[in-house]
């Protein structure tokens, strides 16, 4: 992904609600599972897609973390 695309995607995530972002995270995790399965069976063609999905999962988790209310310090 190009930096311009990443920023656009992150902006869209930050503008949407947490439920939509969580749904996207679930979809990415399913895709990651499928890619791992393809890798194990020797059918994976685009190895770089695994890295892209892993990084997009991290970005999505970051946005979800930003949307959580701050925890009170005890």
Protein backbone atom coordinates (compact mmCIF):
# COMPACT_ATOMS: atom_id res chain seq x y z
CA UNK A 1 0.00 0.00 0.00
CA UNK A 2 1.16 3.47 -0.73
CA UNK A 3 1.38 6.01 2.05
CA UNK A 4 -1.35 8.10 0.44
CA UNK A 5 -3.72 5.12 0.47
CA UNK A 6 -2.85 4.29 4.07
CA UNK A 7 -3.62 7.81 5.24
CA UNK A 8 -6.92 7.79 3.34
CA UNK A 9 -7.91 4.47 4.90
CA UNK A 10 -6.91 5.60 8.39
CA UNK A 11 -8.91 8.80 7.95
CA UNK A 12 -11.97 6.79 6.96
CA UNK A 13 -11.55 4.51 9.99
CA UNK A 14 -11.17 7.43 12.36
CA UNK A 15 -14.32 9.02 10.95
CA UNK A 16 -16.47 5.92 11.36
CA UNK A 17 -17.90 4.34 14.48
CA UNK A 18 -16.16 1.65 16.52
CA UNK A 19 -18.57 -1.10 15.41
CA UNK A 20 -17.65 -0.62 11.76
CA UNK A 21 -13.94 -0.66 12.59
CA UNK A 22 -14.40 -3.82 14.65
CA UNK A 23 -16.21 -5.42 11.72
CA UNK A 24 -13.31 -4.53 9.43
CA UNK A 25 -10.90 -6.06 11.96
CA UNK A 26 -12.89 -9.30 11.92
CA UNK A 27 -12.76 -9.38 8.12
CA UNK A 28 -9.00 -8.82 8.15
CA UNK A 29 -8.50 -11.62 10.67
CA UNK A 30 -10.52 -13.98 8.45
CA UNK A 31 -8.38 -13.00 5.48
CA UNK A 32 -5.23 -13.56 7.52
CA UNK A 33 -6.46 -17.03 8.48
CA UNK A 34 -7.18 -17.86 4.84
CA UNK A 35 -3.74 -16.64 3.80
CA UNK A 36 -2.09 -18.76 6.48
CA UNK A 37 -4.07 -21.77 5.31
CA UNK A 38 -2.98 -21.14 1.71
CA UNK A 39 0.62 -20.84 2.86
CA UNK A 40 0.44 -24.14 4.73
CA UNK A 41 -0.96 -25.95 1.69
CA UNK A 42 1.48 -24.32 -0.73
CA UNK A 43 -1.18 -22.40 -2.65
CA UNK A 44 -0.17 -18.88 -1.60
CA UNK A 45 0.86 -16.79 -4.60
CA UNK A 46 1.29 -13.29 -3.19
CA UNK A 47 3.49 -13.54 -0.11
CA UNK A 48 3.51 -9.78 0.32
CA UNK A 49 -0.24 -9.83 0.99
CA UNK A 50 0.41 -11.52 4.34
CA UNK A 51 2.54 -8.61 5.46
CA UNK A 52 0.01 -6.08 4.17
CA UNK A 53 -2.85 -7.76 6.04
CA UNK A 54 -0.82 -8.01 9.25
CA UNK A 55 0.01 -4.31 9.11
CA UNK A 56 -3.58 -3.35 8.31
CA UNK A 57 -4.71 -5.35 11.35
CA UNK A 58 -2.29 -3.34 13.49
CA UNK A 59 -3.59 -0.07 12.04
CA UNK A 60 -7.17 -1.11 12.69
CA UNK A 61 -6.39 -2.08 16.28
CA UNK A 62 -4.73 1.31 16.76
CA UNK A 63 -7.88 3.11 15.62
CA UNK A 64 -10.04 0.95 17.91
CA UNK A 65 -7.72 1.77 20.81
CA UNK A 66 -8.03 5.49 20.04
CA UNK A 67 -11.83 5.21 20.14
CA UNK A 68 -11.87 3.61 23.60
CA UNK A 69 -12.49 5.99 26.49
CA UNK A 70 -9.41 6.56 28.63
CA UNK A 71 -9.19 4.41 31.73
CA UNK A 72 -9.36 6.17 35.08
CA UNK A 73 -6.15 6.10 37.06
CA UNK A 74 -6.48 4.62 40.51
